[in-house]
């Protein structure tokens, strides 16, 4: 029995962590947490007091937030090669873009989805400034690199790539040629395909039971 326990819902950001776990290749047990009473119930709140997924339990460690889980797994399983060497310049880029995805990208896309408009004179108060600035910054990085942190695929690509892919799917991120090329490249990876198939099957099963 694996000591990696993954709490998720197939219609959540847990899909990012599922992809990461498939890339890592270590055995894990998935616990599907339903929205509503189960996710807000005492048993699950003992794991994540926010009452949301995903969460990861690894032995005595409890990690929440998808970007943090990706970073944790990359360090916990270095043999998977999903984080650059700590002594390399790419390690700095890896941290930079992983948390750019968890910060400015997430904030800017959420603001657009909610119809929130930051006044021009208040942009300095928000971490993303504007959605156009965020997307132009991403485009500039990906136009000169195959992967977000440089030459190699890392956990940062899983997190940032998933954000870009979902944004293009739901209309909160422009379908720029650079983004389409990048997302098409990384989501064709076998681990991503496996993870997507698992979660899509779970969604189909839940809808069949409805």
N, C-alpha and C. Protein backbone atom coordinates (compact mmCIF):
# COMPACT_ATOMS: atom_id res chain seq x y z
N UNK A 1 0.85 -1.19 0.00
CA UNK A 1 0.00 0.00 0.00
C UNK A 1 0.89 1.25 0.00
N UNK A 2 0.58 2.18 -0.88
CA UNK A 2 1.37 3.39 -0.97
C UNK A 2 1.12 4.29 0.23
N UNK A 3 2.17 5.05 0.61
CA UNK A 3 1.95 6.04 1.66
C UNK A 3 1.66 7.42 1.06
N UNK A 4 1.44 7.48 -0.26
CA UNK A 4 0.98 8.70 -0.92
C UNK A 4 -0.53 8.62 -1.07
N UNK A 5 -1.23 9.51 -0.39
CA UNK A 5 -2.69 9.54 -0.48
C UNK A 5 -3.09 10.88 -1.08
N UNK A 6 -3.83 10.81 -2.16
CA UNK A 6 -4.20 11.97 -2.98
C UNK A 6 -5.69 12.20 -2.88
N UNK A 7 -6.08 13.33 -2.30
CA UNK A 7 -7.50 13.70 -2.18
C UNK A 7 -7.84 14.64 -3.33
N UNK A 8 -8.88 14.28 -4.07
CA UNK A 8 -9.17 15.03 -5.29
C UNK A 8 -10.62 14.91 -5.68
N UNK A 9 -10.97 15.64 -6.70
CA UNK A 9 -12.23 15.51 -7.42
C UNK A 9 -11.88 15.70 -8.88
N UNK A 10 -12.40 14.86 -9.78
CA UNK A 10 -11.98 14.96 -11.18
C UNK A 10 -12.40 16.25 -11.87
N UNK A 11 -13.27 17.02 -11.24
CA UNK A 11 -13.65 18.31 -11.79
C UNK A 11 -13.08 19.42 -10.90
N UNK A 12 -11.76 19.39 -10.77
CA UNK A 12 -11.08 20.35 -9.90
C UNK A 12 -9.63 20.51 -10.34
N UNK A 13 -8.91 21.38 -9.64
CA UNK A 13 -7.48 21.53 -9.88
C UNK A 13 -6.71 20.27 -9.50
N UNK A 14 -7.40 19.33 -8.90
CA UNK A 14 -6.77 18.04 -8.63
C UNK A 14 -6.26 17.37 -9.88
N UNK A 15 -6.79 17.73 -11.03
CA UNK A 15 -6.30 17.16 -12.30
C UNK A 15 -4.83 17.51 -12.52
N UNK A 16 -4.43 18.68 -12.05
CA UNK A 16 -3.01 19.07 -12.16
C UNK A 16 -2.15 18.10 -11.36
N UNK A 17 -2.56 17.82 -10.13
CA UNK A 17 -1.77 16.94 -9.26
C UNK A 17 -1.81 15.51 -9.77
N UNK A 18 -2.92 15.07 -10.31
CA UNK A 18 -2.98 13.73 -10.91
C UNK A 18 -1.91 13.61 -12.00
N UNK A 19 -1.81 14.61 -12.85
CA UNK A 19 -0.79 14.61 -13.90
C UNK A 19 0.60 14.53 -13.27
N UNK A 20 0.84 15.34 -12.24
CA UNK A 20 2.13 15.33 -11.57
C UNK A 20 2.44 13.96 -11.00
N UNK A 21 1.48 13.34 -10.35
CA UNK A 21 1.69 12.02 -9.77
C UNK A 21 2.01 10.98 -10.85
N UNK A 22 1.34 11.08 -11.99
CA UNK A 22 1.62 10.14 -13.07
C UNK A 22 3.02 10.36 -13.63
N UNK A 23 3.48 11.61 -13.67
CA UNK A 23 4.85 11.88 -14.10
C UNK A 23 5.85 11.32 -13.10
N UNK A 24 5.57 11.45 -11.80
CA UNK A 24 6.46 10.96 -10.76
C UNK A 24 6.61 9.44 -10.85
N UNK A 25 5.48 8.76 -11.07
CA UNK A 25 5.53 7.32 -11.25
C UNK A 25 5.50 6.50 -9.98
N UNK A 26 5.43 7.14 -8.82
CA UNK A 26 5.34 6.40 -7.56
C UNK A 26 3.89 5.97 -7.33
N UNK A 27 3.68 4.83 -6.69
CA UNK A 27 2.30 4.40 -6.43
C UNK A 27 1.61 5.36 -5.47
N UNK A 28 0.32 5.56 -5.68
CA UNK A 28 -0.45 6.44 -4.82
C UNK A 28 -1.88 5.93 -4.74
N UNK A 29 -2.57 6.34 -3.69
CA UNK A 29 -3.98 6.00 -3.54
C UNK A 29 -4.79 7.28 -3.68
N UNK A 30 -5.78 7.26 -4.55
CA UNK A 30 -6.63 8.44 -4.75
C UNK A 30 -7.92 8.28 -3.96
N UNK A 31 -8.28 9.31 -3.24
CA UNK A 31 -9.54 9.37 -2.52
C UNK A 31 -10.38 10.47 -3.16
N UNK A 32 -11.50 10.10 -3.77
CA UNK A 32 -12.36 11.07 -4.43
C UNK A 32 -13.26 11.73 -3.38
N UNK A 33 -13.21 13.04 -3.33
CA UNK A 33 -13.98 13.81 -2.35
C UNK A 33 -15.07 14.57 -3.09
N UNK A 34 -16.31 14.30 -2.74
CA UNK A 34 -17.44 14.95 -3.42
C UNK A 34 -17.62 16.38 -2.92
N UNK A 35 -18.02 17.24 -3.83
CA UNK A 35 -18.37 18.60 -3.44
C UNK A 35 -19.59 18.58 -2.53
N UNK A 36 -19.66 19.53 -1.62
CA UNK A 36 -20.80 19.61 -0.72
C UNK A 36 -20.45 19.09 0.65
N UNK A 37 -21.36 18.33 1.27
CA UNK A 37 -21.17 17.89 2.66
C UNK A 37 -19.87 17.12 2.89
N UNK A 38 -19.48 16.26 1.96
CA UNK A 38 -18.26 15.48 2.20
C UNK A 38 -17.03 16.38 2.23
N UNK A 39 -16.92 17.30 1.27
CA UNK A 39 -15.74 18.15 1.22
C UNK A 39 -15.69 19.12 2.40
N UNK A 40 -16.85 19.45 2.94
CA UNK A 40 -16.90 20.38 4.08
C UNK A 40 -17.11 19.64 5.40
N UNK A 41 -17.06 18.31 5.36
CA UNK A 41 -17.29 17.51 6.57
C UNK A 41 -16.06 17.44 7.45
N UNK A 42 -16.26 17.02 8.69
CA UNK A 42 -15.19 17.01 9.69
C UNK A 42 -14.02 16.13 9.27
N UNK A 43 -14.29 14.98 8.66
CA UNK A 43 -13.21 14.07 8.29
C UNK A 43 -12.24 14.72 7.30
N UNK A 44 -12.81 15.36 6.26
CA UNK A 44 -11.92 15.98 5.28
C UNK A 44 -11.33 17.29 5.79
N UNK A 45 -12.06 18.04 6.60
CA UNK A 45 -11.51 19.27 7.16
C UNK A 45 -10.30 19.00 8.05
N UNK A 46 -10.21 17.79 8.58
CA UNK A 46 -9.03 17.43 9.36
C UNK A 46 -7.79 17.33 8.47
N UNK A 47 -8.00 17.08 7.18
CA UNK A 47 -6.90 17.04 6.21
C UNK A 47 -6.62 18.44 5.68
N UNK A 48 -7.67 19.10 5.23
CA UNK A 48 -7.53 20.46 4.68
C UNK A 48 -8.62 21.35 5.28
N UNK A 49 -8.29 22.20 6.24
CA UNK A 49 -9.29 23.06 6.88
C UNK A 49 -10.01 24.00 5.93
N UNK A 50 -9.46 24.20 4.72
CA UNK A 50 -10.14 25.03 3.72
C UNK A 50 -11.31 24.30 3.09
N UNK A 51 -11.37 22.98 3.25
CA UNK A 51 -12.46 22.22 2.66
C UNK A 51 -12.46 22.26 1.15
N UNK A 52 -11.28 22.11 0.56
CA UNK A 52 -11.17 22.11 -0.90
C UNK A 52 -10.11 21.09 -1.30
N UNK A 53 -10.14 20.72 -2.56
CA UNK A 53 -9.14 19.81 -3.12
C UNK A 53 -8.32 20.56 -4.15
N UNK A 54 -7.09 20.04 -4.42
CA UNK A 54 -6.49 18.80 -3.96
C UNK A 54 -5.74 18.94 -2.64
N UNK A 55 -5.50 17.79 -2.03
CA UNK A 55 -4.61 17.67 -0.88
C UNK A 55 -3.79 16.40 -1.07
N UNK A 56 -2.62 16.40 -0.45
CA UNK A 56 -1.74 15.23 -0.53
C UNK A 56 -1.24 14.91 0.86
N UNK A 57 -1.32 13.64 1.23
CA UNK A 57 -0.72 13.16 2.48
C UNK A 57 0.38 12.18 2.10
N UNK A 58 1.58 12.45 2.59
CA UNK A 58 2.74 11.61 2.29
C UNK A 58 3.40 11.30 3.62
N UNK A 59 3.10 10.14 4.18
CA UNK A 59 3.60 9.84 5.51
C UNK A 59 3.01 10.83 6.51
N UNK A 60 3.87 11.57 7.20
CA UNK A 60 3.42 12.57 8.17
C UNK A 60 3.21 13.95 7.55
N UNK A 61 3.57 14.11 6.29
CA UNK A 61 3.45 15.41 5.63
C UNK A 61 2.06 15.58 5.01
N UNK A 62 1.48 16.75 5.20
CA UNK A 62 0.21 17.11 4.56
C UNK A 62 0.47 18.37 3.74
N UNK A 63 0.20 18.28 2.45
CA UNK A 63 0.46 19.41 1.55
C UNK A 63 -0.83 19.75 0.82
N UNK A 64 -1.18 21.03 0.80
CA UNK A 64 -2.32 21.51 0.02
C UNK A 64 -1.83 22.57 -0.96
N UNK A 65 -2.70 22.99 -1.84
CA UNK A 65 -2.43 23.94 -2.92
C UNK A 65 -1.67 23.23 -4.04
N UNK A 66 -2.24 23.26 -5.23
CA UNK A 66 -1.72 22.46 -6.33
C UNK A 66 -0.26 22.78 -6.66
N UNK A 67 0.11 24.05 -6.68
CA UNK A 67 1.49 24.40 -7.00
C UNK A 67 2.44 23.89 -5.93
N UNK A 68 2.04 24.00 -4.66
CA UNK A 68 2.88 23.50 -3.57
C UNK A 68 3.03 21.99 -3.64
N UNK A 69 1.95 21.29 -3.99
CA UNK A 69 2.03 19.83 -4.12
C UNK A 69 2.98 19.44 -5.24
N UNK A 70 2.90 20.15 -6.36
CA UNK A 70 3.81 19.86 -7.48
C UNK A 70 5.26 20.06 -7.05
N UNK A 71 5.54 21.17 -6.37
CA UNK A 71 6.91 21.45 -5.92
C UNK A 71 7.37 20.40 -4.91
N UNK A 72 6.48 20.01 -4.01
CA UNK A 72 6.82 19.01 -2.99
C UNK A 72 7.16 17.67 -3.65
N UNK A 73 6.32 17.23 -4.56
CA UNK A 73 6.54 15.94 -5.21
C UNK A 73 7.83 15.93 -6.03
N UNK A 74 8.13 17.04 -6.68
CA UNK A 74 9.38 17.11 -7.46
C UNK A 74 10.59 16.92 -6.56
N UNK A 75 10.54 17.48 -5.34
CA UNK A 75 11.65 17.34 -4.41
C UNK A 75 11.64 15.98 -3.71
N UNK A 76 10.45 15.46 -3.42
CA UNK A 76 10.35 14.18 -2.72
C UNK A 76 10.78 13.00 -3.60
N UNK A 77 10.64 13.16 -4.92
CA UNK A 77 11.00 12.09 -5.86
C UNK A 77 11.95 12.64 -6.92
N UNK A 78 13.17 12.99 -6.52
CA UNK A 78 14.10 13.63 -7.46
C UNK A 78 14.46 12.75 -8.65
N UNK A 79 14.31 11.43 -8.49
CA UNK A 79 14.64 10.54 -9.60
C UNK A 79 13.73 10.75 -10.82
N UNK A 80 12.58 11.40 -10.61
CA UNK A 80 11.67 11.68 -11.73
C UNK A 80 12.18 12.83 -12.60
N UNK A 81 13.13 13.61 -12.10
CA UNK A 81 13.72 14.68 -12.89
C UNK A 81 12.78 15.82 -13.20
N UNK A 82 11.91 16.16 -12.27
CA UNK A 82 10.90 17.18 -12.52
C UNK A 82 11.23 18.54 -11.91
N UNK A 83 12.45 18.68 -11.40
CA UNK A 83 12.94 19.97 -10.92
C UNK A 83 14.41 20.08 -11.30
N UNK A 84 14.86 21.25 -11.74
CA UNK A 84 16.28 21.40 -12.09
C UNK A 84 17.17 21.24 -10.86
N UNK A 85 18.43 20.97 -11.11
CA UNK A 85 19.41 20.87 -10.04
C UNK A 85 19.41 22.17 -9.22
N UNK A 86 19.42 22.06 -7.89
CA UNK A 86 19.38 23.26 -7.06
C UNK A 86 20.51 24.25 -7.34
N UNK A 87 21.63 23.77 -7.85
CA UNK A 87 22.77 24.64 -8.10
C UNK A 87 22.73 25.29 -9.49
N UNK A 88 21.72 24.94 -10.29
CA UNK A 88 21.67 25.44 -11.67
C UNK A 88 20.89 26.75 -11.76
N UNK A 89 21.18 27.50 -12.83
CA UNK A 89 20.44 28.73 -13.07
C UNK A 89 18.97 28.45 -13.34
N UNK A 90 18.70 27.27 -13.92
CA UNK A 90 17.32 26.94 -14.24
C UNK A 90 16.47 26.72 -12.99
N UNK A 91 17.14 26.44 -11.84
CA UNK A 91 16.35 26.26 -10.61
C UNK A 91 15.65 27.57 -10.25
N UNK A 92 16.32 28.69 -10.44
CA UNK A 92 15.69 29.99 -10.19
C UNK A 92 14.54 30.24 -11.12
N UNK A 93 14.73 29.91 -12.41
CA UNK A 93 13.65 30.09 -13.39
C UNK A 93 12.47 29.18 -13.06
N UNK A 94 12.77 27.99 -12.60
CA UNK A 94 11.73 27.03 -12.22
C UNK A 94 10.85 27.60 -11.10
N UNK A 95 11.47 28.11 -10.05
CA UNK A 95 10.68 28.71 -8.97
C UNK A 95 9.92 29.93 -9.48
N UNK A 96 10.60 30.74 -10.26
CA UNK A 96 9.97 31.97 -10.77
C UNK A 96 8.68 31.67 -11.51
N UNK A 97 8.73 30.75 -12.46
CA UNK A 97 7.57 30.52 -13.31
C UNK A 97 6.51 29.65 -12.65
N UNK A 98 6.91 28.75 -11.75
CA UNK A 98 5.93 27.97 -11.01
C UNK A 98 5.05 28.91 -10.18
N UNK A 99 5.67 29.86 -9.51
CA UNK A 99 4.89 30.74 -8.65
C UNK A 99 4.31 31.93 -9.41
N UNK A 100 4.83 32.21 -10.58
CA UNK A 100 4.15 33.16 -11.47
C UNK A 100 2.80 32.57 -11.87
N UNK A 101 2.78 31.27 -12.12
CA UNK A 101 1.52 30.60 -12.44
C UNK A 101 0.55 30.61 -11.28
N UNK A 102 1.08 30.36 -10.07
CA UNK A 102 0.23 30.31 -8.88
C UNK A 102 -0.20 31.69 -8.40
N UNK A 103 0.52 32.73 -8.82
CA UNK A 103 0.20 34.09 -8.40
C UNK A 103 -0.45 34.89 -9.52
N UNK A 104 0.32 35.65 -10.29
CA UNK A 104 -0.26 36.52 -11.31
C UNK A 104 -1.19 35.83 -12.31
N UNK A 105 -0.80 34.65 -12.81
CA UNK A 105 -1.67 33.99 -13.80
C UNK A 105 -3.01 33.63 -13.18
N UNK A 106 -2.97 32.96 -12.04
CA UNK A 106 -4.20 32.55 -11.36
C UNK A 106 -5.08 33.76 -11.03
N UNK A 107 -4.47 34.82 -10.51
CA UNK A 107 -5.23 36.00 -10.12
C UNK A 107 -5.86 36.70 -11.33
N UNK A 108 -5.06 36.87 -12.39
CA UNK A 108 -5.55 37.59 -13.56
C UNK A 108 -6.67 36.84 -14.26
N UNK A 109 -6.52 35.52 -14.37
CA UNK A 109 -7.54 34.71 -15.04
C UNK A 109 -8.82 34.68 -14.21
N UNK A 110 -8.68 34.56 -12.90
CA UNK A 110 -9.86 34.57 -12.03
C UNK A 110 -10.60 35.89 -12.12
N UNK A 111 -9.85 36.98 -12.13
CA UNK A 111 -10.48 38.30 -12.25
C UNK A 111 -11.28 38.41 -13.54
N UNK A 112 -10.71 37.92 -14.64
CA UNK A 112 -11.44 37.97 -15.91
C UNK A 112 -12.69 37.11 -15.85
N UNK A 113 -12.57 35.90 -15.29
CA UNK A 113 -13.71 35.00 -15.22
C UNK A 113 -14.85 35.60 -14.40
N UNK A 114 -14.51 36.39 -13.41
CA UNK A 114 -15.52 37.01 -12.55
C UNK A 114 -15.98 38.38 -13.05
N UNK A 115 -15.39 38.82 -14.15
CA UNK A 115 -15.77 40.12 -14.70
C UNK A 115 -15.24 41.29 -13.89
N UNK A 116 -14.17 41.07 -13.16
CA UNK A 116 -13.60 42.14 -12.33
C UNK A 116 -12.60 42.95 -13.15
N UNK A 117 -12.72 44.25 -13.10
CA UNK A 117 -11.84 45.13 -13.85
C UNK A 117 -11.07 46.01 -12.87
N UNK A 118 -9.75 45.93 -12.94
CA UNK A 118 -8.92 46.74 -12.06
C UNK A 118 -8.71 48.11 -12.72
N UNK A 119 -9.09 49.20 -12.08
CA UNK A 119 -8.87 50.53 -12.67
C UNK A 119 -7.39 50.75 -12.97
N UNK A 120 -7.12 51.47 -14.03
CA UNK A 120 -5.73 51.69 -14.44
C UNK A 120 -4.89 52.25 -13.30
N UNK A 121 -5.47 53.15 -12.51
CA UNK A 121 -4.69 53.78 -11.44
C UNK A 121 -4.55 52.91 -10.20
N UNK A 122 -5.13 51.69 -10.22
CA UNK A 122 -5.04 50.77 -9.09
C UNK A 122 -4.25 49.51 -9.42
N UNK A 123 -3.69 49.44 -10.61
CA UNK A 123 -3.01 48.21 -11.03
C UNK A 123 -1.81 47.88 -10.14
N UNK A 124 -1.21 48.91 -9.57
CA UNK A 124 -0.08 48.67 -8.68
C UNK A 124 -0.46 47.97 -7.40
N UNK A 125 -1.76 47.90 -7.10
CA UNK A 125 -2.22 47.27 -5.87
C UNK A 125 -2.44 45.77 -6.02
N UNK A 126 -2.47 45.28 -7.26
CA UNK A 126 -2.69 43.85 -7.48
C UNK A 126 -1.43 43.22 -8.05
N UNK A 127 -1.24 41.96 -7.73
CA UNK A 127 0.01 41.30 -8.11
C UNK A 127 0.18 41.07 -9.60
N UNK A 128 -0.92 41.10 -10.35
CA UNK A 128 -0.83 40.78 -11.78
C UNK A 128 -0.82 42.00 -12.68
N UNK A 129 -1.21 43.15 -12.17
CA UNK A 129 -1.24 44.35 -13.00
C UNK A 129 -2.40 44.35 -13.96
N UNK A 130 -2.29 43.53 -15.00
CA UNK A 130 -3.38 43.35 -15.96
C UNK A 130 -3.21 42.00 -16.62
N UNK A 131 -4.30 41.47 -17.15
CA UNK A 131 -4.23 40.18 -17.84
C UNK A 131 -3.33 40.26 -19.06
N UNK A 132 -3.41 41.35 -19.81
CA UNK A 132 -2.56 41.49 -20.99
C UNK A 132 -1.08 41.45 -20.61
N UNK A 133 -0.73 42.11 -19.52
CA UNK A 133 0.67 42.10 -19.09
C UNK A 133 1.12 40.69 -18.73
N UNK A 134 0.27 39.95 -18.03
CA UNK A 134 0.59 38.57 -17.66
C UNK A 134 0.78 37.70 -18.90
N UNK A 135 -0.16 37.80 -19.83
CA UNK A 135 -0.09 36.95 -21.03
C UNK A 135 1.08 37.32 -21.92
N UNK A 136 1.37 38.60 -22.03
CA UNK A 136 2.53 39.02 -22.82
C UNK A 136 3.82 38.50 -22.21
N UNK A 137 3.88 38.49 -20.88
CA UNK A 137 5.06 37.99 -20.19
C UNK A 137 5.23 36.49 -20.43
N UNK A 138 4.14 35.75 -20.32
CA UNK A 138 4.19 34.31 -20.62
C UNK A 138 4.60 34.05 -22.06
N UNK A 139 3.99 34.80 -22.97
CA UNK A 139 4.28 34.60 -24.39
C UNK A 139 5.76 34.86 -24.67
N UNK A 140 6.30 35.91 -24.08
CA UNK A 140 7.71 36.23 -24.29
C UNK A 140 8.63 35.11 -23.84
N UNK A 141 8.31 34.49 -22.70
CA UNK A 141 9.13 33.40 -22.21
C UNK A 141 9.01 32.16 -23.08
N UNK A 142 7.79 31.83 -23.48
CA UNK A 142 7.57 30.60 -24.24
C UNK A 142 7.97 30.74 -25.70
N UNK A 143 8.07 31.96 -26.20
CA UNK A 143 8.51 32.16 -27.58
C UNK A 143 9.97 31.79 -27.76
N UNK A 144 10.74 31.83 -26.68
CA UNK A 144 12.17 31.55 -26.80
C UNK A 144 12.59 30.25 -26.12
N UNK A 145 11.63 29.53 -25.53
CA UNK A 145 11.93 28.28 -24.84
C UNK A 145 10.85 27.25 -25.13
N UNK A 146 11.26 25.99 -25.25
CA UNK A 146 10.27 24.93 -25.41
C UNK A 146 9.49 24.70 -24.12
N UNK A 147 10.14 24.96 -22.98
CA UNK A 147 9.52 24.76 -21.68
C UNK A 147 9.61 26.04 -20.86
N UNK A 148 8.74 26.16 -19.87
CA UNK A 148 8.60 27.43 -19.19
C UNK A 148 9.86 27.85 -18.44
N UNK A 149 10.64 26.88 -17.93
CA UNK A 149 11.83 27.23 -17.16
C UNK A 149 13.12 27.09 -17.98
N UNK A 150 12.99 26.78 -19.26
CA UNK A 150 14.18 26.66 -20.09
C UNK A 150 14.18 25.45 -20.99
N UNK A 151 15.21 24.63 -20.87
CA UNK A 151 15.43 23.54 -21.83
C UNK A 151 14.71 22.25 -21.47
N UNK A 152 14.30 22.10 -20.21
CA UNK A 152 13.77 20.81 -19.76
C UNK A 152 12.35 20.94 -19.22
N UNK A 153 11.59 19.87 -19.39
CA UNK A 153 10.25 19.78 -18.81
C UNK A 153 10.37 19.63 -17.30
N UNK A 154 9.59 20.42 -16.55
CA UNK A 154 9.61 20.37 -15.10
C UNK A 154 8.19 20.44 -14.54
N UNK A 155 8.10 20.34 -13.22
CA UNK A 155 6.80 20.48 -12.56
C UNK A 155 6.17 21.84 -12.86
N UNK A 156 6.98 22.84 -13.12
CA UNK A 156 6.43 24.16 -13.45
C UNK A 156 5.61 24.10 -14.74
N UNK A 157 6.02 23.25 -15.69
CA UNK A 157 5.25 23.11 -16.93
C UNK A 157 3.89 22.47 -16.66
N UNK A 158 3.83 21.56 -15.71
CA UNK A 158 2.55 20.93 -15.39
C UNK A 158 1.59 21.98 -14.86
N UNK A 159 2.05 22.79 -13.92
CA UNK A 159 1.16 23.78 -13.33
C UNK A 159 0.82 24.91 -14.30
N UNK A 160 1.83 25.50 -14.89
CA UNK A 160 1.59 26.62 -15.81
C UNK A 160 0.87 26.14 -17.06
N UNK A 161 1.27 25.01 -17.60
CA UNK A 161 0.63 24.48 -18.80
C UNK A 161 -0.83 24.17 -18.60
N UNK A 162 -1.17 23.61 -17.44
CA UNK A 162 -2.58 23.34 -17.15
C UNK A 162 -3.37 24.63 -17.08
N UNK A 163 -2.79 25.66 -16.47
CA UNK A 163 -3.48 26.95 -16.37
C UNK A 163 -3.74 27.54 -17.76
N UNK A 164 -2.73 27.48 -18.61
CA UNK A 164 -2.89 28.04 -19.96
C UNK A 164 -3.91 27.22 -20.75
N UNK A 165 -3.82 25.89 -20.65
CA UNK A 165 -4.75 25.04 -21.39
C UNK A 165 -6.19 25.27 -20.98
N UNK A 166 -6.45 25.33 -19.67
CA UNK A 166 -7.81 25.58 -19.21
C UNK A 166 -8.28 26.96 -19.61
N UNK A 167 -7.39 27.94 -19.51
CA UNK A 167 -7.76 29.30 -19.87
C UNK A 167 -8.18 29.40 -21.33
N UNK A 168 -7.43 28.75 -22.22
CA UNK A 168 -7.81 28.78 -23.63
C UNK A 168 -9.12 28.03 -23.86
N UNK A 169 -9.31 26.93 -23.13
CA UNK A 169 -10.53 26.15 -23.28
C UNK A 169 -11.77 26.94 -22.87
N UNK A 170 -11.65 27.70 -21.79
CA UNK A 170 -12.81 28.40 -21.25
C UNK A 170 -12.85 29.89 -21.60
N UNK A 171 -11.94 30.34 -22.45
CA UNK A 171 -12.01 31.69 -22.97
C UNK A 171 -11.45 32.78 -22.08
N UNK A 172 -10.67 32.41 -21.07
CA UNK A 172 -10.08 33.43 -20.21
C UNK A 172 -8.63 33.74 -20.59
N UNK A 173 -8.06 32.94 -21.48
CA UNK A 173 -6.73 33.18 -22.01
C UNK A 173 -6.80 33.12 -23.53
N UNK A 174 -6.18 34.10 -24.18
CA UNK A 174 -6.18 34.15 -25.64
C UNK A 174 -5.55 32.90 -26.24
N UNK A 175 -6.10 32.44 -27.35
CA UNK A 175 -5.52 31.31 -28.06
C UNK A 175 -4.39 31.81 -28.97
N UNK A 176 -3.29 32.17 -28.35
CA UNK A 176 -2.14 32.62 -29.10
C UNK A 176 -1.37 31.41 -29.63
N UNK A 177 -0.74 31.58 -30.79
CA UNK A 177 -0.05 30.45 -31.43
C UNK A 177 1.02 29.85 -30.52
N UNK A 178 1.74 30.70 -29.80
CA UNK A 178 2.78 30.21 -28.89
C UNK A 178 2.16 29.34 -27.80
N UNK A 179 1.04 29.76 -27.25
CA UNK A 179 0.38 28.98 -26.20
C UNK A 179 -0.14 27.65 -26.73
N UNK A 180 -0.73 27.67 -27.92
CA UNK A 180 -1.27 26.43 -28.49
C UNK A 180 -0.15 25.44 -28.76
N UNK A 181 0.97 25.92 -29.28
CA UNK A 181 2.12 25.03 -29.52
C UNK A 181 2.62 24.42 -28.21
N UNK A 182 2.78 25.26 -27.22
CA UNK A 182 3.31 24.82 -25.92
C UNK A 182 2.38 23.80 -25.26
N UNK A 183 1.12 24.11 -25.17
CA UNK A 183 0.17 23.21 -24.51
C UNK A 183 0.06 21.90 -25.28
N UNK A 184 0.02 21.98 -26.60
CA UNK A 184 -0.04 20.76 -27.39
C UNK A 184 1.16 19.86 -27.17
N UNK A 185 2.32 20.47 -27.00
CA UNK A 185 3.55 19.71 -26.78
C UNK A 185 3.53 18.99 -25.43
N UNK A 186 3.22 19.71 -24.37
CA UNK A 186 3.34 19.08 -23.05
C UNK A 186 2.17 18.15 -22.72
N UNK A 187 0.99 18.42 -23.25
CA UNK A 187 -0.16 17.57 -22.92
C UNK A 187 -0.20 16.29 -23.75
N UNK A 188 0.74 16.14 -24.67
CA UNK A 188 0.84 14.87 -25.41
C UNK A 188 1.73 13.87 -24.67
N UNK A 189 2.31 14.28 -23.57
CA UNK A 189 3.15 13.37 -22.79
C UNK A 189 2.32 12.20 -22.26
N UNK A 190 2.88 10.99 -22.26
CA UNK A 190 2.11 9.81 -21.81
C UNK A 190 1.50 9.97 -20.42
N UNK A 191 2.22 10.57 -19.49
CA UNK A 191 1.69 10.74 -18.14
C UNK A 191 0.47 11.64 -18.12
N UNK A 192 0.50 12.69 -18.95
CA UNK A 192 -0.64 13.59 -19.04
C UNK A 192 -1.84 12.87 -19.64
N UNK A 193 -1.61 12.08 -20.66
CA UNK A 193 -2.70 11.33 -21.29
C UNK A 193 -3.30 10.35 -20.30
N UNK A 194 -2.47 9.64 -19.54
CA UNK A 194 -2.97 8.70 -18.54
C UNK A 194 -3.82 9.42 -17.49
N UNK A 195 -3.30 10.53 -16.99
CA UNK A 195 -4.01 11.27 -15.95
C UNK A 195 -5.35 11.77 -16.47
N UNK A 196 -5.35 12.30 -17.68
CA UNK A 196 -6.59 12.82 -18.27
C UNK A 196 -7.61 11.71 -18.45
N UNK A 197 -7.15 10.55 -18.91
CA UNK A 197 -8.06 9.42 -19.11
C UNK A 197 -8.68 8.97 -17.79
N UNK A 198 -7.87 8.93 -16.73
CA UNK A 198 -8.40 8.52 -15.42
C UNK A 198 -9.49 9.48 -14.97
N UNK A 199 -9.20 10.77 -15.02
CA UNK A 199 -10.17 11.75 -14.53
C UNK A 199 -11.39 11.86 -15.43
N UNK A 200 -11.19 11.76 -16.74
CA UNK A 200 -12.35 11.80 -17.65
C UNK A 200 -13.28 10.61 -17.40
N UNK A 201 -12.70 9.46 -17.11
CA UNK A 201 -13.52 8.28 -16.81
C UNK A 201 -14.30 8.48 -15.52
N UNK A 202 -13.66 9.08 -14.52
CA UNK A 202 -14.36 9.35 -13.25
C UNK A 202 -15.50 10.34 -13.45
N UNK A 203 -15.28 11.35 -14.28
CA UNK A 203 -16.34 12.32 -14.57
C UNK A 203 -17.52 11.62 -15.26
N UNK A 204 -17.20 10.80 -16.26
CA UNK A 204 -18.25 10.09 -16.99
C UNK A 204 -19.04 9.17 -16.06
N UNK A 205 -18.35 8.49 -15.16
CA UNK A 205 -19.03 7.60 -14.22
C UNK A 205 -19.93 8.38 -13.27
N UNK A 206 -19.46 9.53 -12.81
CA UNK A 206 -20.29 10.33 -11.89
C UNK A 206 -21.53 10.88 -12.58
N UNK A 207 -21.38 11.24 -13.86
CA UNK A 207 -22.53 11.75 -14.60
C UNK A 207 -23.52 10.65 -14.91
N UNK A 208 -22.99 9.44 -15.09
CA UNK A 208 -23.88 8.30 -15.34
C UNK A 208 -24.70 7.93 -14.13
N UNK A 209 -24.19 8.24 -12.96
CA UNK A 209 -24.90 7.94 -11.72
C UNK A 209 -25.90 9.02 -11.34
N UNK A 210 -25.76 10.20 -11.97
CA UNK A 210 -26.61 11.33 -11.61
C UNK A 210 -28.07 11.10 -12.03
